[in-house]
PDB file of N, CA and C in Angstrom:
ATOM      1  N   MET A   1     -36.389   7.280 -15.215  1.00  0.00           N
ATOM      2  CA  MET A   1     -35.737   8.605 -14.932  1.00  0.00           C
ATOM      3  C   MET A   1     -34.371   8.524 -15.404  1.00  0.00           C
ATOM      4  N   GLN A   2     -33.865   9.567 -16.096  1.00  0.00           N
ATOM      5  CA  GLN A   2     -32.482   9.561 -16.538  1.00  0.00           C
ATOM      6  C   GLN A   2     -31.556  10.227 -15.478  1.00  0.00           C
ATOM      7  N   PRO A   3     -30.231   9.676 -15.421  1.00  0.00           N
ATOM      8  CA  PRO A   3     -29.380  10.219 -14.456  1.00  0.00           C
ATOM      9  C   PRO A   3     -29.061  11.760 -14.832  1.00  0.00           C
ATOM     10  N   GLU A   4     -28.822  12.579 -13.811  1.00  0.00           N
ATOM     11  CA  GLU A   4     -28.493  13.947 -14.096  1.00  0.00           C
ATOM     12  C   GLU A   4     -27.223  14.123 -14.877  1.00  0.00           C
ATOM     13  N   ASN A   5     -27.140  15.113 -15.641  1.00  0.00           N
ATOM     14  CA  ASN A   5     -25.896  15.430 -16.448  1.00  0.00           C
ATOM     15  C   ASN A   5     -25.101  16.291 -15.468  1.00  0.00           C
ATOM     16  N   THR A   6     -23.734  16.039 -15.495  1.00  0.00           N
ATOM     17  CA  THR A   6     -22.806  16.949 -14.727  1.00  0.00           C
ATOM     18  C   THR A   6     -22.574  18.146 -15.510  1.00  0.00           C
ATOM     19  N   PRO A   7     -22.466  19.266 -14.902  1.00  0.00           N
ATOM     20  CA  PRO A   7     -22.164  20.570 -15.622  1.00  0.00           C
ATOM     21  C   PRO A   7     -20.793  20.540 -16.249  1.00  0.00           C
ATOM     22  N   GLU A   8     -19.875  19.915 -15.749  1.00  0.00           N
ATOM     23  CA  GLU A   8     -18.455  20.017 -16.192  1.00  0.00           C
ATOM     24  C   GLU A   8     -18.357  19.113 -17.544  1.00  0.00           C
ATOM     25  N   THR A   9     -19.006  18.071 -17.569  1.00  0.00           N
ATOM     26  CA  THR A   9     -18.785  17.205 -18.769  1.00  0.00           C
ATOM     27  C   THR A   9     -20.077  16.960 -19.622  1.00  0.00           C
ATOM     28  N   ASN A  10     -21.195  17.358 -19.145  1.00  0.00           N
ATOM     29  CA  ASN A  10     -22.456  17.143 -19.675  1.00  0.00           C
ATOM     30  C   ASN A  10     -22.667  15.670 -20.009  1.00  0.00           C
ATOM     31  N   GLN A  11     -22.100  14.764 -19.155  1.00  0.00           N
ATOM     32  CA  GLN A  11     -22.227  13.381 -19.245  1.00  0.00           C
ATOM     33  C   GLN A  11     -23.230  12.900 -18.127  1.00  0.00           C
ATOM     34  N   PRO A  12     -23.920  11.841 -18.378  1.00  0.00           N
ATOM     35  CA  PRO A  12     -24.869  11.306 -17.299  1.00  0.00           C
ATOM     36  C   PRO A  12     -23.987  11.055 -16.005  1.00  0.00           C
ATOM     37  N   GLN A  13     -24.485  11.449 -14.895  1.00  0.00           N
ATOM     38  CA  GLN A  13     -23.752  11.130 -13.615  1.00  0.00           C
ATOM     39  C   GLN A  13     -24.260   9.806 -13.001  1.00  0.00           C
ATOM     40  N   ASP A  14     -23.291   8.914 -12.634  1.00  0.00           N
ATOM     41  CA  ASP A  14     -23.571   7.663 -12.103  1.00  0.00           C
ATOM     42  C   ASP A  14     -24.164   7.847 -10.680  1.00  0.00           C
ATOM     43  N   PRO A  15     -25.372   7.383 -10.457  1.00  0.00           N
ATOM     44  CA  PRO A  15     -26.003   7.549  -9.082  1.00  0.00           C
ATOM     45  C   PRO A  15     -25.119   6.783  -7.994  1.00  0.00           C
ATOM     46  N   ASN A  16     -24.405   5.761  -8.354  1.00  0.00           N
ATOM     47  CA  ASN A  16     -23.503   4.997  -7.422  1.00  0.00           C
ATOM     48  C   ASN A  16     -22.053   5.544  -7.293  1.00  0.00           C
ATOM     49  N   ALA A  17     -21.774   6.598  -7.992  1.00  0.00           N
ATOM     50  CA  ALA A  17     -20.411   7.110  -8.007  1.00  0.00           C
ATOM     51  C   ALA A  17     -20.132   7.667  -6.639  1.00  0.00           C
ATOM     52  N   ILE A  18     -18.831   7.525  -6.188  1.00  0.00           N
ATOM     53  CA  ILE A  18     -18.315   8.090  -4.947  1.00  0.00           C
ATOM     54  C   ILE A  18     -17.359   9.303  -5.351  1.00  0.00           C
ATOM     55  N   SER A  19     -17.566  10.434  -4.693  1.00  0.00           N
ATOM     56  CA  SER A  19     -16.628  11.512  -4.961  1.00  0.00           C
ATOM     57  C   SER A  19     -15.497  11.404  -3.875  1.00  0.00           C
ATOM     58  N   ILE A  20     -14.260  11.290  -4.373  1.00  0.00           N
ATOM     59  CA  ILE A  20     -13.094  11.148  -3.564  1.00  0.00           C
ATOM     60  C   ILE A  20     -12.321  12.451  -3.530  1.00  0.00           C
ATOM     61  N   GLU A  21     -11.984  12.915  -2.489  1.00  0.00           N
ATOM     62  CA  GLU A  21     -11.107  14.183  -2.389  1.00  0.00           C
ATOM     63  C   GLU A  21      -9.723  13.745  -1.897  1.00  0.00           C
ATOM     64  N   LEU A  22      -8.721  14.302  -2.679  1.00  0.00           N
ATOM     65  CA  LEU A  22      -7.342  14.015  -2.280  1.00  0.00           C
ATOM     66  C   LEU A  22      -6.738  15.307  -2.136  1.00  0.00           C
ATOM     67  N   SER A  23      -6.325  15.534  -0.802  1.00  0.00           N
ATOM     68  CA  SER A  23      -5.536  16.879  -0.510  1.00  0.00           C
ATOM     69  C   SER A  23      -4.188  16.818  -1.090  1.00  0.00           C
ATOM     70  N   GLU A  24      -3.549  17.975  -1.237  1.00  0.00           N
ATOM     71  CA  GLU A  24      -2.212  18.025  -1.741  1.00  0.00           C
ATOM     72  C   GLU A  24      -1.250  17.366  -0.943  1.00  0.00           C
ATOM     73  N   GLU A  25      -1.364  17.453   0.435  1.00  0.00           N
ATOM     74  CA  GLU A  25      -0.498  16.885   1.355  1.00  0.00           C
ATOM     75  C   GLU A  25      -0.552  15.350   1.344  1.00  0.00           C
ATOM     76  N   ILE A  26      -1.794  14.767   1.258  1.00  0.00           N
ATOM     77  CA  ILE A  26      -1.906  13.399   1.032  1.00  0.00           C
ATOM     78  C   ILE A  26      -1.356  12.885  -0.296  1.00  0.00           C
ATOM     79  N   ALA A  27      -1.621  13.684  -1.276  1.00  0.00           N
ATOM     80  CA  ALA A  27      -1.202  13.272  -2.731  1.00  0.00           C
ATOM     81  C   ALA A  27       0.312  13.194  -2.798  1.00  0.00           C
ATOM     82  N   GLU A  28       1.033  13.850  -2.018  1.00  0.00           N
ATOM     83  CA  GLU A  28       2.520  13.752  -2.042  1.00  0.00           C
ATOM     84  C   GLU A  28       3.047  12.356  -1.595  1.00  0.00           C
ATOM     85  N   GLY A  29       2.140  11.741  -0.745  1.00  0.00           N
ATOM     86  CA  GLY A  29       2.576  10.414  -0.336  1.00  0.00           C
ATOM     87  C   GLY A  29       3.666  10.386   0.709  1.00  0.00           C
ATOM     88  N   GLU A  30       3.823   9.197   1.245  1.00  0.00           N
ATOM     89  CA  GLU A  30       4.943   8.882   2.206  1.00  0.00           C
ATOM     90  C   GLU A  30       5.716   7.733   1.767  1.00  0.00           C
ATOM     91  N   TYR A  31       7.037   7.822   1.772  1.00  0.00           N
ATOM     92  CA  TYR A  31       7.850   6.709   1.426  1.00  0.00           C
ATOM     93  C   TYR A  31       7.975   5.726   2.582  1.00  0.00           C
ATOM     94  N   ALA A  32       7.655   4.468   2.380  1.00  0.00           N
ATOM     95  CA  ALA A  32       7.838   3.406   3.417  1.00  0.00           C
ATOM     96  C   ALA A  32       8.637   2.288   2.752  1.00  0.00           C
ATOM     97  N   ASN A  33       9.613   1.672   3.413  1.00  0.00           N
ATOM     98  CA  ASN A  33      10.219   0.480   3.021  1.00  0.00           C
ATOM     99  C   ASN A  33      10.116  -0.775   3.911  1.00  0.00           C
ATOM    100  N   LEU A  34       9.109  -0.603   4.798  1.00  0.00           N
ATOM    101  CA  LEU A  34       8.843  -1.804   5.669  1.00  0.00           C
ATOM    102  C   LEU A  34       7.383  -1.720   6.136  1.00  0.00           C
ATOM    103  N   ALA A  35       6.674  -2.768   6.250  1.00  0.00           N
ATOM    104  CA  ALA A  35       5.352  -2.721   6.759  1.00  0.00           C
ATOM    105  C   ALA A  35       5.231  -3.849   7.865  1.00  0.00           C
ATOM    106  N   MET A  36       4.609  -3.478   9.000  1.00  0.00           N
ATOM    107  CA  MET A  36       4.347  -4.425  10.035  1.00  0.00           C
ATOM    108  C   MET A  36       2.764  -4.646  10.072  1.00  0.00           C
ATOM    109  N   ILE A  37       2.319  -5.892  10.254  1.00  0.00           N
ATOM    110  CA  ILE A  37       0.959  -6.092  10.324  1.00  0.00           C
ATOM    111  C   ILE A  37       0.644  -6.822  11.608  1.00  0.00           C
ATOM    112  N   ALA A  38      -0.469  -6.278  12.225  1.00  0.00           N
ATOM    113  CA  ALA A  38      -0.964  -6.984  13.441  1.00  0.00           C
ATOM    114  C   ALA A  38      -2.518  -7.053  13.188  1.00  0.00           C
ATOM    115  N   HIS A  39      -3.123  -8.074  13.882  1.00  0.00           N
ATOM    116  CA  HIS A  39      -4.616  -8.126  13.731  1.00  0.00           C
ATOM    117  C   HIS A  39      -5.176  -8.664  15.112  1.00  0.00           C
ATOM    118  N   SER A  40      -6.485  -8.338  15.216  1.00  0.00           N
ATOM    119  CA  SER A  40      -7.304  -8.822  16.321  1.00  0.00           C
ATOM    120  C   SER A  40      -8.546  -9.518  15.674  1.00  0.00           C
ATOM    121  N   ASN A  41      -9.474  -9.920  16.388  1.00  0.00           N
ATOM    122  CA  ASN A  41     -10.652 -10.594  15.802  1.00  0.00           C
ATOM    123  C   ASN A  41     -11.436  -9.662  15.042  1.00  0.00           C
ATOM    124  N   SER A  42     -11.313  -8.369  15.124  1.00  0.00           N
ATOM    125  CA  SER A  42     -12.180  -7.381  14.392  1.00  0.00           C
ATOM    126  C   SER A  42     -11.477  -6.390  13.429  1.00  0.00           C
ATOM    127  N   GLU A  43     -10.156  -6.449  13.456  1.00  0.00           N
ATOM    128  CA  GLU A  43      -9.384  -5.511  12.576  1.00  0.00           C
ATOM    129  C   GLU A  43      -8.001  -5.915  12.293  1.00  0.00           C
ATOM    130  N   PHE A  44      -7.499  -5.355  11.214  1.00  0.00           N
ATOM    131  CA  PHE A  44      -6.040  -5.520  10.811  1.00  0.00           C
ATOM    132  C   PHE A  44      -5.427  -4.129  10.939  1.00  0.00           C
ATOM    133  N   VAL A  45      -4.275  -4.029  11.497  1.00  0.00           N
ATOM    134  CA  VAL A  45      -3.523  -2.830  11.633  1.00  0.00           C
ATOM    135  C   VAL A  45      -2.240  -2.929  10.820  1.00  0.00           C
ATOM    136  N   ILE A  46      -2.105  -2.050   9.905  1.00  0.00           N
ATOM    137  CA  ILE A  46      -0.826  -2.056   9.015  1.00  0.00           C
ATOM    138  C   ILE A  46      -0.055  -0.755   9.260  1.00  0.00           C
ATOM    139  N   ASP A  47       1.086  -0.952   9.777  1.00  0.00           N
ATOM    140  CA  ASP A  47       2.045   0.206  10.014  1.00  0.00           C
ATOM    141  C   ASP A  47       2.991   0.340   8.858  1.00  0.00           C
ATOM    142  N   PHE A  48       3.067   1.427   8.206  1.00  0.00           N
ATOM    143  CA  PHE A  48       4.051   1.598   7.059  1.00  0.00           C
ATOM    144  C   PHE A  48       5.206   2.383   7.704  1.00  0.00           C
ATOM    145  N   ILE A  49       6.361   1.829   7.618  1.00  0.00           N
ATOM    146  CA  ILE A  49       7.540   2.345   8.397  1.00  0.00           C
ATOM    147  C   ILE A  49       8.607   2.771   7.349  1.00  0.00           C
ATOM    148  N   ARG A  50       9.344   3.798   7.654  1.00  0.00           N
ATOM    149  CA  ARG A  50      10.564   4.232   6.949  1.00  0.00           C
ATOM    150  C   ARG A  50      11.724   3.841   7.810  1.00  0.00           C
ATOM    151  N   LEU A  51      12.615   2.973   7.285  1.00  0.00           N
ATOM    152  CA  LEU A  51      13.779   2.438   7.938  1.00  0.00           C
ATOM    153  C   LEU A  51      14.932   3.023   7.262  1.00  0.00           C
ATOM    154  N   MET A  52      15.846   3.764   7.905  1.00  0.00           N
ATOM    155  CA  MET A  52      16.980   4.388   7.388  1.00  0.00           C
ATOM    156  C   MET A  52      18.209   3.647   7.677  1.00  0.00           C
ATOM    157  N   PRO A  53      19.211   3.558   6.853  1.00  0.00           N
ATOM    158  CA  PRO A  53      20.528   2.865   7.073  1.00  0.00           C
ATOM    159  C   PRO A  53      21.269   3.604   8.178  1.00  0.00           C
ATOM    160  N   GLY A  54      21.819   2.749   9.032  1.00  0.00           N
ATOM    161  CA  GLY A  54      22.648   3.279  10.134  1.00  0.00           C
ATOM    162  C   GLY A  54      21.925   3.903  11.357  1.00  0.00           C
ATOM    163  N   LEU A  55      20.674   3.918  11.304  1.00  0.00           N
ATOM    164  CA  LEU A  55      19.912   4.498  12.369  1.00  0.00           C
ATOM    165  C   LEU A  55      19.205   3.393  13.178  1.00  0.00           C
ATOM    166  N   PRO A  56      19.272   3.343  14.479  1.00  0.00           N
ATOM    167  CA  PRO A  56      18.717   2.184  15.287  1.00  0.00           C
ATOM    168  C   PRO A  56      17.181   2.312  15.384  1.00  0.00           C
ATOM    169  N   LYS A  57      16.660   3.545  15.089  1.00  0.00           N
ATOM    170  CA  LYS A  57      15.200   3.739  15.212  1.00  0.00           C
ATOM    171  C   LYS A  57      14.519   3.922  13.861  1.00  0.00           C
ATOM    172  N   ALA A  58      13.368   3.333  13.664  1.00  0.00           N
ATOM    173  CA  ALA A  58      12.687   3.562  12.497  1.00  0.00           C
ATOM    174  C   ALA A  58      11.347   4.305  12.834  1.00  0.00           C
ATOM    175  N   LYS A  59      10.806   5.066  11.856  1.00  0.00           N
ATOM    176  CA  LYS A  59       9.590   5.804  12.127  1.00  0.00           C
ATOM    177  C   LYS A  59       8.361   5.234  11.447  1.00  0.00           C
ATOM    178  N   VAL A  60       7.216   5.122  12.235  1.00  0.00           N
ATOM    179  CA  VAL A  60       6.076   4.766  11.496  1.00  0.00           C
ATOM    180  C   VAL A  60       5.494   6.039  10.878  1.00  0.00           C
ATOM    181  N   LYS A  61       5.375   5.930   9.520  1.00  0.00           N
ATOM    182  CA  LYS A  61       4.929   7.045   8.705  1.00  0.00           C
ATOM    183  C   LYS A  61       3.446   7.121   8.480  1.00  0.00           C
ATOM    184  N   SER A  62       2.793   5.908   8.613  1.00  0.00           N
ATOM    185  CA  SER A  62       1.318   5.907   8.473  1.00  0.00           C
ATOM    186  C   SER A  62       0.762   4.662   9.086  1.00  0.00           C
ATOM    187  N   ARG A  63      -0.351   4.686   9.700  1.00  0.00           N
ATOM    188  CA  ARG A  63      -1.005   3.496  10.299  1.00  0.00           C
ATOM    189  C   ARG A  63      -2.415   3.363   9.578  1.00  0.00           C
ATOM    190  N   ILE A  64      -2.682   2.198   9.013  1.00  0.00           N
ATOM    191  CA  ILE A  64      -4.010   2.061   8.319  1.00  0.00           C
ATOM    192  C   ILE A  64      -4.751   0.859   9.079  1.00  0.00           C
ATOM    193  N   ILE A  65      -5.984   1.124   9.565  1.00  0.00           N
ATOM    194  CA  ILE A  65      -6.673   0.192  10.297  1.00  0.00           C
ATOM    195  C   ILE A  65      -7.883  -0.295   9.350  1.00  0.00           C
ATOM    196  N   LEU A  66      -7.981  -1.664   9.110  1.00  0.00           N
ATOM    197  CA  LEU A  66      -8.856  -2.233   8.126  1.00  0.00           C
ATOM    198  C   LEU A  66      -9.775  -3.270   8.833  1.00  0.00           C
ATOM    199  N   THR A  67     -11.026  -3.484   8.456  1.00  0.00           N
ATOM    200  CA  THR A  67     -11.734  -4.644   8.864  1.00  0.00           C
ATOM    201  C   THR A  67     -11.149  -5.792   8.166  1.00  0.00           C
ATOM    202  N   PRO A  68     -11.459  -7.069   8.671  1.00  0.00           N
ATOM    203  CA  PRO A  68     -10.916  -8.321   7.997  1.00  0.00           C
ATOM    204  C   PRO A  68     -11.321  -8.324   6.508  1.00  0.00           C
ATOM    205  N   GLU A  69     -12.656  -7.961   6.332  1.00  0.00           N
ATOM    206  CA  GLU A  69     -13.164  -8.003   4.901  1.00  0.00           C
ATOM    207  C   GLU A  69     -12.344  -7.058   3.995  1.00  0.00           C
ATOM    208  N   HIS A  70     -12.054  -5.801   4.470  1.00  0.00           N
ATOM    209  CA  HIS A  70     -11.375  -4.860   3.599  1.00  0.00           C
ATOM    210  C   HIS A  70      -9.981  -5.307   3.481  1.00  0.00           C
ATOM    211  N   ALA A  71      -9.361  -5.942   4.524  1.00  0.00           N
ATOM    212  CA  ALA A  71      -8.011  -6.537   4.381  1.00  0.00           C
ATOM    213  C   ALA A  71      -7.916  -7.455   3.222  1.00  0.00           C
ATOM    214  N   LYS A  72      -8.922  -8.384   3.196  1.00  0.00           N
ATOM    215  CA  LYS A  72      -8.909  -9.422   2.121  1.00  0.00           C
ATOM    216  C   LYS A  72      -9.087  -8.816   0.753  1.00  0.00           C
ATOM    217  N   ARG A  73      -9.979  -7.802   0.646  1.00  0.00           N
ATOM    218  CA  ARG A  73     -10.059  -7.138  -0.666  1.00  0.00           C
ATOM    219  C   ARG A  73      -8.801  -6.322  -1.085  1.00  0.00           C
ATOM    220  N   LEU A  74      -8.094  -5.847  -0.047  1.00  0.00           N
ATOM    221  CA  LEU A  74      -6.792  -5.213  -0.320  1.00  0.00           C
ATOM    222  C   LEU A  74      -5.815  -6.167  -0.837  1.00  0.00           C
ATOM    223  N   VAL A  75      -5.678  -7.309  -0.346  1.00  0.00           N
ATOM    224  CA  VAL A  75      -4.789  -8.355  -0.868  1.00  0.00           C
ATOM    225  C   VAL A  75      -5.157  -8.718  -2.109  1.00  0.00           C
ATOM    226  N   ALA A  76      -6.407  -8.994  -2.463  1.00  0.00           N
ATOM    227  CA  ALA A  76      -6.796  -9.271  -3.890  1.00  0.00           C
ATOM    228  C   ALA A  76      -6.471  -8.155  -4.835  1.00  0.00           C
ATOM    229  N   ALA A  77      -6.715  -6.953  -4.398  1.00  0.00           N
ATOM    230  CA  ALA A  77      -6.441  -5.813  -5.289  1.00  0.00           C
ATOM    231  C   ALA A  77      -4.874  -5.771  -5.535  1.00  0.00           C
ATOM    232  N   LEU A  78      -4.104  -5.977  -4.505  1.00  0.00           N
ATOM    233  CA  LEU A  78      -2.619  -5.878  -4.682  1.00  0.00           C
ATOM    234  C   LEU A  78      -2.151  -6.991  -5.642  1.00  0.00           C
ATOM    235  N   ASN A  79      -2.666  -8.193  -5.376  1.00  0.00           N
ATOM    236  CA  ASN A  79      -2.356  -9.334  -6.274  1.00  0.00           C
ATOM    237  C   ASN A  79      -2.735  -9.030  -7.688  1.00  0.00           C
ATOM    238  N   GLU A  80      -3.884  -8.497  -8.006  1.00  0.00           N
ATOM    239  CA  GLU A  80      -4.253  -8.188  -9.268  1.00  0.00           C
ATOM    240  C   GLU A  80      -3.324  -7.126  -9.935  1.00  0.00           C
ATOM    241  N   ASN A  81      -2.995  -6.084  -9.187  1.00  0.00           N
ATOM    242  CA  ASN A  81      -2.051  -5.040  -9.743  1.00  0.00           C
ATOM    243  C   ASN A  81      -0.668  -5.531  -9.955  1.00  0.00           C
ATOM    244  N   ILE A  82      -0.168  -6.444  -9.003  1.00  0.00           N
ATOM    245  CA  ILE A  82       1.188  -7.046  -9.225  1.00  0.00           C
ATOM    246  C   ILE A  82       1.136  -7.848 -10.408  1.00  0.00           C
ATOM    247  N   GLU A  83       0.129  -8.656 -10.775  1.00  0.00           N
ATOM    248  CA  GLU A  83      -0.020  -9.361 -11.961  1.00  0.00           C
ATOM    249  C   GLU A  83       0.161  -8.480 -13.185  1.00  0.00           C
ATOM    250  N   ARG A  84      -0.682  -7.418 -13.160  1.00  0.00           N
ATOM    251  CA  ARG A  84      -0.649  -6.525 -14.343  1.00  0.00           C
ATOM    252  C   ARG A  84       0.683  -5.854 -14.395  1.00  0.00           C
ATOM    253  N   PHE A  85       1.351  -5.540 -13.328  1.00  0.00           N
ATOM    254  CA  PHE A  85       2.605  -4.881 -13.411  1.00  0.00           C
ATOM    255  C   PHE A  85       3.669  -5.817 -13.971  1.00  0.00           C
ATOM    256  N   GLU A  86       3.617  -7.032 -13.496  1.00  0.00           N
ATOM    257  CA  GLU A  86       4.630  -8.090 -14.020  1.00  0.00           C
ATOM    258  C   GLU A  86       4.371  -8.439 -15.547  1.00  0.00           C
ATOM    259  N   LYS A  87       3.197  -8.366 -16.001  1.00  0.00           N
ATOM    260  CA  LYS A  87       2.881  -8.498 -17.481  1.00  0.00           C
ATOM    261  C   LYS A  87       3.646  -7.454 -18.354  1.00  0.00           C
ATOM    262  N   THR A  88       3.581  -6.245 -17.787  1.00  0.00           N
ATOM    263  CA  THR A  88       4.190  -5.123 -18.493  1.00  0.00           C
ATOM    264  C   THR A  88       5.605  -4.990 -18.290  1.00  0.00           C
ATOM    265  N   ASN A  89       6.068  -5.261 -17.016  1.00  0.00           N
ATOM    266  CA  ASN A  89       7.429  -4.927 -16.676  1.00  0.00           C
ATOM    267  C   ASN A  89       8.309  -6.115 -16.276  1.00  0.00           C
ATOM    268  N   GLY A  90       7.801  -7.336 -16.390  1.00  0.00           N
ATOM    269  CA  GLY A  90       8.600  -8.521 -15.957  1.00  0.00           C
ATOM    270  C   GLY A  90       8.493  -8.830 -14.491  1.00  0.00           C
ATOM    271  N   THR A  91       8.873 -10.031 -14.138  1.00  0.00           N
ATOM    272  CA  THR A  91       8.741 -10.543 -12.910  1.00  0.00           C
ATOM    273  C   THR A  91       9.476  -9.654 -11.818  1.00  0.00           C
ATOM    274  N   ILE A  92       8.814  -9.423 -10.748  1.00  0.00           N
ATOM    275  CA  ILE A  92       9.376  -8.741  -9.550  1.00  0.00           C
ATOM    276  C   ILE A  92      10.258  -9.717  -8.811  1.00  0.00           C
ATOM    277  N   LYS A  93      11.598  -9.450  -8.761  1.00  0.00           N
ATOM    278  CA  LYS A  93      12.443 -10.421  -7.974  1.00  0.00           C
ATOM    279  C   LYS A  93      12.457 -10.137  -6.603  1.00  0.00           C
ATOM    280  N   GLU A  94      12.222 -11.304  -5.754  1.00  0.00           N
ATOM    281  CA  GLU A  94      12.245 -11.145  -4.419  1.00  0.00           C
ATOM    282  C   GLU A  94      13.689 -11.527  -3.863  1.00  0.00           C
ATOM    283  N   GLN A  95      14.049 -10.840  -2.697  1.00  0.00           N
ATOM    284  CA  GLN A  95      15.423 -11.145  -2.135  1.00  0.00           C
ATOM    285  C   GLN A  95      15.353 -12.511  -1.656  1.00  0.00           C
ATOM    286  N   PRO A  96      16.498 -13.244  -1.892  1.00  0.00           N
ATOM    287  CA  PRO A  96      16.692 -14.600  -1.258  1.00  0.00           C
ATOM    288  C   PRO A  96      16.975 -14.517   0.135  1.00  0.00           C
ATOM    289  N   GLY A  97      16.713 -15.604   0.859  1.00  0.00           N
ATOM    290  CA  GLY A  97      17.187 -15.634   2.234  1.00  0.00           C
ATOM    291  C   GLY A  97      16.034 -15.850   3.148  1.00  0.00           C
ATOM    292  N   GLU A  98      16.352 -16.000   4.463  1.00  0.00           N
ATOM    293  CA  GLU A  98      15.341 -16.301   5.420  1.00  0.00           C
ATOM    294  C   GLU A  98      14.971 -14.970   6.269  1.00  0.00           C
ATOM    295  N   GLY A  99      13.824 -15.082   6.916  1.00  0.00           N
ATOM    296  CA  GLY A  99      13.398 -14.019   7.834  1.00  0.00           C
ATOM    297  C   GLY A  99      12.870 -12.810   7.100  1.00  0.00           C
ATOM    298  N   PRO A 100      12.546 -11.759   7.735  1.00  0.00           N
ATOM    299  CA  PRO A 100      11.995 -10.543   7.083  1.00  0.00           C
ATOM    300  C   PRO A 100      13.020  -9.978   5.979  1.00  0.00           C
ATOM    301  N   LEU A 101      12.357  -9.539   4.893  1.00  0.00           N
ATOM    302  CA  LEU A 101      13.101  -8.955   3.879  1.00  0.00           C
ATOM    303  C   LEU A 101      13.291  -7.482   4.150  1.00  0.00           C
ATOM    304  N   TYR A 102      14.591  -7.058   4.325  1.00  0.00           N
ATOM    305  CA  TYR A 102      14.959  -5.736   4.535  1.00  0.00           C
ATOM    306  C   TYR A 102      15.445  -5.046   3.232  1.00  0.00           C
ATOM    307  N   PRO A 103      15.200  -3.810   2.895  1.00  0.00           N
ATOM    308  CA  PRO A 103      15.803  -3.147   1.832  1.00  0.00           C
ATOM    309  C   PRO A 103      17.286  -3.211   1.987  1.00  0.00           C
ATOM    310  N   MET A 104      18.029  -3.260   0.799  1.00  0.00           N
ATOM    311  CA  MET A 104      19.425  -3.360   0.746  1.00  0.00           C
ATOM    312  C   MET A 104      20.086  -2.298   1.687  1.00  0.00           C
ATOM    313  N   GLY A 105      21.017  -2.836   2.609  1.00  0.00           N
ATOM    314  CA  GLY A 105      21.697  -1.970   3.435  1.00  0.00           C
ATOM    315  C   GLY A 105      20.911  -1.481   4.599  1.00  0.00           C
ATOM    316  N   PHE A 106      19.763  -2.067   4.931  1.00  0.00           N
ATOM    317  CA  PHE A 106      18.858  -1.628   6.015  1.00  0.00           C
ATOM    318  C   PHE A 106      18.652  -2.877   6.903  1.00  0.00           C
ATOM    319  N   GLY A 107      19.291  -2.848   8.111  1.00  0.00           N
ATOM    320  CA  GLY A 107      19.092  -3.893   9.058  1.00  0.00           C
ATOM    321  C   GLY A 107      19.350  -5.269   8.505  1.00  0.00           C
ATOM    322  N   GLY A 108      18.776  -6.338   9.191  1.00  0.00           N
ATOM    323  CA  GLY A 108      18.918  -7.619   8.706  1.00  0.00           C
ATOM    324  C   GLY A 108      20.292  -8.233   8.998  1.00  0.00           C
ATOM    325  N   LYS A 109      20.512  -9.446   8.450  1.00  0.00           N
ATOM    326  CA  LYS A 109      21.774 -10.128   8.638  1.00  0.00           C
ATOM    327  C   LYS A 109      22.924  -9.418   7.899  1.00  0.00           C
ATOM    328  N   ILE A 110      24.084  -9.475   8.517  1.00  0.00           N
ATOM    329  CA  ILE A 110      25.319  -8.876   7.906  1.00  0.00           C
ATOM    330  C   ILE A 110      26.086  -9.952   7.222  1.00  0.00           C
ATOM    331  N   GLY A 111      26.404  -9.737   5.894  1.00  0.00           N
ATOM    332  CA  GLY A 111      26.993 -10.690   5.144  1.00  0.00           C
ATOM    333  C   GLY A 111      28.480 -10.909   5.538  1.00  0.00           C
ATOM    334  N   GLU A 112      28.940 -12.266   5.388  1.00  0.00           N
ATOM    335  CA  GLU A 112      30.235 -12.550   5.772  1.00  0.00           C
ATOM    336  C   GLU A 112      31.065 -12.898   4.533  1.00  0.00           C
ATOM    337  N   ALA A 113      32.348 -12.507   4.600  1.00  0.00           N
ATOM    338  CA  ALA A 113      33.251 -12.710   3.318  1.00  0.00           C
ATOM    339  C   ALA A 113      33.964 -13.996   3.535  1.00  0.00           C
TER     340      ALA A 113
END
């Protein structure tokens, strides 16, 4: 039996395809410059945070909860995309130093002259 043709494209429809809906609100995205990760024996919790200069409080903008298997697949997908990005755009430079990496001017150690 042949796959059905979709009316929009008249192309065979993949029976394993997933239809993904993206609302306008979600499509706008949220800017985050810090992520904190916690885990239990059954899940990983990633909080994406927006840290603003000069403010003592940061806001969690999104929380994503993943199974350990999905977390591992996410790491693999990120690594693959970083490799592709660096092939096209050059090496991503990491900030030198110890401890958590904060965006420039956001928390962290204060430099001395």
